[in-house]
Amino acid sequence: MFISEAYAQTAPAAASGGAESSLLSLAPLALMFVVLYFIMIRPQMKKQKEHKAMIEALAKGDEVVVGGGVIGRVAKLGETFVHVEVANGVELQVQRAAVVQVLPKGTFK
């Protein structure tokens, strides 16, 4: 009386062109990867390359900023470590990778 009768629905038609639909479903994923590459991965790789070139070009007497914000002058260079003079007679031994920036000459006095 109050409930209407329910009838089963017919099965949907089979999708034709299965290969095309699977390729189209992968297109957004491929597009997201391309966008991710150009927005995040490529700039990070460029920054790493610039940092590596800066570290390799370090020379004695360069004025640098170390990772913790310490400013000093390069006193000695080693294979993996750099001695940074932060005051007269005070040297810190840090890894080359800890050098964040090379300052213009005359910044550190």
N, C-alpha and C. Protein backbone atom coordinates (compact mmCIF):
# COMPACT_ATOMS: atom_id res chain seq x y z
N MET A 1 0.79 -1.18 0.00
CA MET A 1 0.00 0.00 0.00
C MET A 1 0.85 1.28 0.00
N PHE A 2 1.69 1.43 1.04
CA PHE A 2 2.52 2.63 1.10
C PHE A 2 3.87 2.46 0.40
N ILE A 3 4.28 1.24 0.19
CA ILE A 3 5.59 0.99 -0.41
C ILE A 3 5.39 0.65 -1.88
N SER A 4 6.14 1.35 -2.73
CA SER A 4 6.03 1.05 -4.16
C SER A 4 6.90 -0.15 -4.49
N GLU A 5 6.59 -0.79 -5.57
CA GLU A 5 7.34 -1.97 -5.97
C GLU A 5 8.68 -1.57 -6.55
N ALA A 6 9.73 -2.34 -6.25
CA ALA A 6 11.07 -2.07 -6.76
C ALA A 6 11.38 -3.08 -7.85
N TYR A 7 11.94 -2.59 -8.95
CA TYR A 7 12.30 -3.45 -10.06
C TYR A 7 13.82 -3.42 -10.24
N ALA A 8 14.39 -4.52 -10.61
CA ALA A 8 15.84 -4.59 -10.84
C ALA A 8 16.21 -3.80 -12.08
N GLN A 9 17.35 -3.14 -12.01
CA GLN A 9 17.82 -2.38 -13.17
C GLN A 9 18.53 -3.31 -14.13
N THR A 10 18.57 -2.90 -15.36
CA THR A 10 19.28 -3.70 -16.35
C THR A 10 20.77 -3.42 -16.23
N ALA A 11 21.61 -4.36 -16.62
CA ALA A 11 23.06 -4.21 -16.55
C ALA A 11 23.52 -3.14 -17.54
N PRO A 12 24.52 -2.32 -17.15
CA PRO A 12 25.00 -1.29 -18.08
C PRO A 12 25.69 -1.95 -19.27
N ALA A 13 25.70 -1.23 -20.36
CA ALA A 13 26.32 -1.73 -21.59
C ALA A 13 27.82 -1.84 -21.38
N ALA A 14 28.43 -2.87 -21.95
CA ALA A 14 29.88 -3.07 -21.83
C ALA A 14 30.61 -1.96 -22.55
N ALA A 15 31.66 -1.45 -21.93
CA ALA A 15 32.43 -0.36 -22.54
C ALA A 15 33.27 -0.92 -23.67
N SER A 16 33.20 -0.29 -24.79
CA SER A 16 34.01 -0.72 -25.93
C SER A 16 35.29 0.10 -25.96
N GLY A 17 36.33 -0.42 -26.54
CA GLY A 17 37.60 0.29 -26.62
C GLY A 17 38.30 0.29 -25.27
N GLY A 18 38.51 -0.84 -24.66
CA GLY A 18 39.11 -0.95 -23.34
C GLY A 18 40.51 -0.37 -23.26
N ALA A 19 41.31 -0.50 -24.30
CA ALA A 19 42.67 0.02 -24.30
C ALA A 19 42.68 1.54 -24.29
N GLU A 20 41.77 2.13 -25.04
CA GLU A 20 41.70 3.60 -25.09
C GLU A 20 41.30 4.17 -23.74
N SER A 21 40.35 3.57 -23.10
CA SER A 21 39.88 4.09 -21.82
C SER A 21 40.95 3.95 -20.74
N SER A 22 41.76 2.88 -20.79
CA SER A 22 42.81 2.74 -19.79
C SER A 22 43.92 3.77 -20.01
N LEU A 23 44.22 4.07 -21.27
CA LEU A 23 45.23 5.10 -21.55
C LEU A 23 44.73 6.48 -21.14
N LEU A 24 43.46 6.74 -21.38
CA LEU A 24 42.91 8.03 -20.98
C LEU A 24 42.85 8.17 -19.46
N SER A 25 42.69 7.07 -18.76
CA SER A 25 42.65 7.15 -17.30
C SER A 25 44.05 7.39 -16.72
N LEU A 26 45.11 7.03 -17.46
CA LEU A 26 46.48 7.28 -17.01
C LEU A 26 46.98 8.68 -17.38
N ALA A 27 46.31 9.34 -18.28
CA ALA A 27 46.74 10.67 -18.72
C ALA A 27 46.82 11.69 -17.58
N PRO A 28 45.84 11.79 -16.69
CA PRO A 28 45.97 12.76 -15.59
C PRO A 28 47.15 12.46 -14.67
N LEU A 29 47.42 11.19 -14.45
CA LEU A 29 48.56 10.81 -13.61
C LEU A 29 49.87 11.24 -14.26
N ALA A 30 50.00 11.00 -15.56
CA ALA A 30 51.20 11.41 -16.28
C ALA A 30 51.33 12.93 -16.29
N LEU A 31 50.24 13.62 -16.47
CA LEU A 31 50.26 15.09 -16.46
C LEU A 31 50.69 15.62 -15.10
N MET A 32 50.21 15.01 -14.02
CA MET A 32 50.61 15.45 -12.67
C MET A 32 52.10 15.23 -12.45
N PHE A 33 52.65 14.11 -12.95
CA PHE A 33 54.08 13.87 -12.81
C PHE A 33 54.90 14.90 -13.56
N VAL A 34 54.48 15.27 -14.76
CA VAL A 34 55.19 16.28 -15.55
C VAL A 34 55.17 17.63 -14.83
N VAL A 35 54.03 18.00 -14.31
CA VAL A 35 53.91 19.27 -13.58
C VAL A 35 54.78 19.23 -12.32
N LEU A 36 54.76 18.12 -11.59
CA LEU A 36 55.58 17.96 -10.40
C LEU A 36 57.06 18.10 -10.73
N TYR A 37 57.48 17.52 -11.85
CA TYR A 37 58.88 17.60 -12.26
C TYR A 37 59.29 19.05 -12.49
N PHE A 38 58.50 19.80 -13.24
CA PHE A 38 58.89 21.17 -13.58
C PHE A 38 58.73 22.14 -12.42
N ILE A 39 57.85 21.86 -11.48
CA ILE A 39 57.62 22.78 -10.37
C ILE A 39 58.52 22.48 -9.17
N MET A 40 58.80 21.20 -8.90
CA MET A 40 59.53 20.86 -7.68
C MET A 40 60.89 20.21 -7.93
N ILE A 41 60.95 19.20 -8.74
CA ILE A 41 62.17 18.41 -8.88
C ILE A 41 63.25 19.17 -9.62
N ARG A 42 62.94 19.76 -10.74
CA ARG A 42 63.95 20.45 -11.55
C ARG A 42 64.58 21.64 -10.82
N PRO A 43 63.80 22.52 -10.17
CA PRO A 43 64.44 23.62 -9.44
C PRO A 43 65.33 23.14 -8.29
N GLN A 44 64.93 22.06 -7.61
CA GLN A 44 65.74 21.53 -6.52
C GLN A 44 67.06 20.99 -7.04
N MET A 45 67.03 20.31 -8.18
CA MET A 45 68.27 19.79 -8.77
C MET A 45 69.19 20.95 -9.19
N LYS A 46 68.62 22.03 -9.70
CA LYS A 46 69.41 23.20 -10.10
C LYS A 46 70.07 23.83 -8.87
N LYS A 47 69.32 23.93 -7.78
CA LYS A 47 69.86 24.51 -6.55
C LYS A 47 70.99 23.65 -5.99
N GLN A 48 70.83 22.32 -6.03
CA GLN A 48 71.89 21.43 -5.57
C GLN A 48 73.14 21.57 -6.41
N LYS A 49 72.99 21.72 -7.71
CA LYS A 49 74.13 21.87 -8.60
C LYS A 49 74.88 23.18 -8.31
N GLU A 50 74.14 24.26 -8.07
CA GLU A 50 74.77 25.55 -7.74
C GLU A 50 75.51 25.46 -6.40
N HIS A 51 74.92 24.79 -5.40
CA HIS A 51 75.56 24.66 -4.09
C HIS A 51 76.84 23.83 -4.20
N LYS A 52 76.80 22.77 -4.98
CA LYS A 52 77.99 21.93 -5.16
C LYS A 52 79.10 22.72 -5.84
N ALA A 53 78.77 23.52 -6.85
CA ALA A 53 79.77 24.35 -7.53
C ALA A 53 80.37 25.38 -6.57
N MET A 54 79.53 25.97 -5.71
CA MET A 54 80.02 26.95 -4.74
C MET A 54 80.99 26.30 -3.76
N ILE A 55 80.66 25.11 -3.28
CA ILE A 55 81.52 24.42 -2.32
C ILE A 55 82.85 24.03 -2.95
N GLU A 56 82.81 23.58 -4.20
CA GLU A 56 84.04 23.20 -4.88
C GLU A 56 84.93 24.40 -5.17
N ALA A 57 84.33 25.58 -5.31
CA ALA A 57 85.09 26.79 -5.64
C ALA A 57 85.62 27.52 -4.40
N LEU A 58 85.40 26.98 -3.19
CA LEU A 58 85.89 27.64 -1.98
C LEU A 58 87.40 27.77 -2.02
N ALA A 59 87.89 28.89 -1.54
CA ALA A 59 89.33 29.13 -1.49
C ALA A 59 89.68 29.74 -0.14
N LYS A 60 90.94 29.65 0.21
CA LYS A 60 91.41 30.23 1.47
C LYS A 60 91.20 31.74 1.42
N GLY A 61 90.64 32.29 2.49
CA GLY A 61 90.39 33.72 2.56
C GLY A 61 88.96 34.11 2.22
N ASP A 62 88.18 33.19 1.67
CA ASP A 62 86.78 33.49 1.37
C ASP A 62 86.01 33.70 2.67
N GLU A 63 85.08 34.63 2.65
CA GLU A 63 84.23 34.89 3.80
C GLU A 63 82.91 34.14 3.58
N VAL A 64 82.55 33.32 4.56
CA VAL A 64 81.42 32.41 4.38
C VAL A 64 80.45 32.47 5.55
N VAL A 65 79.24 31.98 5.30
CA VAL A 65 78.24 31.77 6.35
C VAL A 65 78.06 30.26 6.47
N VAL A 66 78.18 29.78 7.71
CA VAL A 66 78.02 28.35 7.99
C VAL A 66 76.56 28.10 8.35
N GLY A 67 76.11 26.85 8.26
CA GLY A 67 74.72 26.47 8.47
C GLY A 67 74.06 27.03 9.70
N GLY A 68 74.76 27.18 10.79
CA GLY A 68 74.17 27.71 12.02
C GLY A 68 74.10 29.22 12.06
N GLY A 69 74.53 29.88 10.98
CA GLY A 69 74.50 31.33 10.93
C GLY A 69 75.82 31.97 11.34
N VAL A 70 76.84 31.18 11.58
CA VAL A 70 78.15 31.68 11.98
C VAL A 70 78.86 32.23 10.75
N ILE A 71 79.41 33.44 10.90
CA ILE A 71 80.15 34.08 9.80
C ILE A 71 81.64 34.00 10.12
N GLY A 72 82.42 33.68 9.11
CA GLY A 72 83.86 33.60 9.32
C GLY A 72 84.62 33.59 8.01
N ARG A 73 85.94 33.46 8.14
CA ARG A 73 86.84 33.46 6.98
C ARG A 73 87.48 32.08 6.88
N VAL A 74 87.56 31.54 5.68
CA VAL A 74 88.15 30.22 5.48
C VAL A 74 89.64 30.30 5.76
N ALA A 75 90.11 29.48 6.72
CA ALA A 75 91.52 29.47 7.08
C ALA A 75 92.26 28.31 6.42
N LYS A 76 91.64 27.13 6.43
CA LYS A 76 92.24 25.95 5.81
C LYS A 76 91.15 25.18 5.08
N LEU A 77 91.57 24.51 4.01
CA LEU A 77 90.65 23.68 3.25
C LEU A 77 91.13 22.24 3.28
N GLY A 78 90.21 21.34 3.55
CA GLY A 78 90.51 19.92 3.49
C GLY A 78 89.63 19.25 2.45
N GLU A 79 89.75 17.93 2.38
CA GLU A 79 88.94 17.18 1.42
C GLU A 79 87.46 17.28 1.74
N THR A 80 87.12 17.08 3.02
CA THR A 80 85.71 17.12 3.42
C THR A 80 85.41 18.18 4.47
N PHE A 81 86.46 18.75 5.07
CA PHE A 81 86.26 19.74 6.13
C PHE A 81 86.88 21.08 5.76
N VAL A 82 86.35 22.13 6.37
CA VAL A 82 86.85 23.49 6.19
C VAL A 82 87.08 24.07 7.58
N HIS A 83 88.20 24.75 7.77
CA HIS A 83 88.46 25.46 9.02
C HIS A 83 88.07 26.91 8.80
N VAL A 84 87.10 27.37 9.60
CA VAL A 84 86.59 28.73 9.47
C VAL A 84 87.04 29.53 10.68
N GLU A 85 87.74 30.61 10.43
CA GLU A 85 88.21 31.49 11.51
C GLU A 85 87.09 32.48 11.82
N VAL A 86 86.55 32.40 13.05
CA VAL A 86 85.45 33.27 13.44
C VAL A 86 85.91 34.47 14.26
N ALA A 87 87.11 34.38 14.85
CA ALA A 87 87.73 35.48 15.58
C ALA A 87 89.23 35.24 15.53
N ASN A 88 90.01 36.21 16.00
CA ASN A 88 91.46 36.04 15.99
C ASN A 88 91.85 34.83 16.84
N GLY A 89 92.43 33.82 16.21
CA GLY A 89 92.87 32.63 16.91
C GLY A 89 91.79 31.61 17.21
N VAL A 90 90.57 31.85 16.77
CA VAL A 90 89.48 30.91 17.02
C VAL A 90 89.03 30.34 15.68
N GLU A 91 89.22 29.02 15.52
CA GLU A 91 88.82 28.36 14.29
C GLU A 91 87.79 27.27 14.58
N LEU A 92 86.82 27.16 13.71
CA LEU A 92 85.83 26.09 13.78
C LEU A 92 86.07 25.15 12.62
N GLN A 93 86.00 23.86 12.88
CA GLN A 93 86.12 22.88 11.82
C GLN A 93 84.71 22.42 11.46
N VAL A 94 84.30 22.66 10.22
CA VAL A 94 82.96 22.28 9.77
C VAL A 94 83.07 21.50 8.46
N GLN A 95 82.03 20.77 8.15
CA GLN A 95 81.99 20.06 6.88
C GLN A 95 81.79 21.06 5.75
N ARG A 96 82.31 20.72 4.59
CA ARG A 96 82.15 21.61 3.43
C ARG A 96 80.67 21.87 3.13
N ALA A 97 79.84 20.84 3.28
CA ALA A 97 78.41 20.99 2.97
C ALA A 97 77.71 21.94 3.92
N ALA A 98 78.32 22.25 5.07
CA ALA A 98 77.70 23.16 6.03
C ALA A 98 77.83 24.62 5.61
N VAL A 99 78.68 24.89 4.63
CA VAL A 99 78.82 26.27 4.13
C VAL A 99 77.58 26.59 3.30
N VAL A 100 76.86 27.63 3.72
CA VAL A 100 75.60 27.99 3.08
C VAL A 100 75.79 29.04 2.01
N GLN A 101 76.69 30.00 2.27
CA GLN A 101 76.81 31.15 1.37
C GLN A 101 78.23 31.69 1.43
N VAL A 102 78.72 32.15 0.29
CA VAL A 102 79.98 32.86 0.23
C VAL A 102 79.65 34.35 0.17
N LEU A 103 80.21 35.11 1.11
CA LEU A 103 79.92 36.54 1.22
C LEU A 103 80.90 37.34 0.38
N PRO A 104 80.51 38.56 0.01
CA PRO A 104 81.46 39.44 -0.68
C PRO A 104 82.64 39.80 0.22
N LYS A 105 83.79 40.05 -0.38
CA LYS A 105 85.00 40.39 0.39
C LYS A 105 84.74 41.66 1.21
N GLY A 106 85.24 41.68 2.44
CA GLY A 106 85.10 42.85 3.29
C GLY A 106 83.87 42.82 4.18
N THR A 107 83.04 41.78 4.08
CA THR A 107 81.85 41.69 4.92
C THR A 107 82.22 41.34 6.35
N PHE A 108 83.15 40.41 6.51
CA PHE A 108 83.57 39.94 7.83
C PHE A 108 84.83 40.67 8.25
N LYS A 109 84.78 41.31 9.43
CA LYS A 109 85.96 42.08 9.88
C LYS A 109 86.43 41.57 11.20
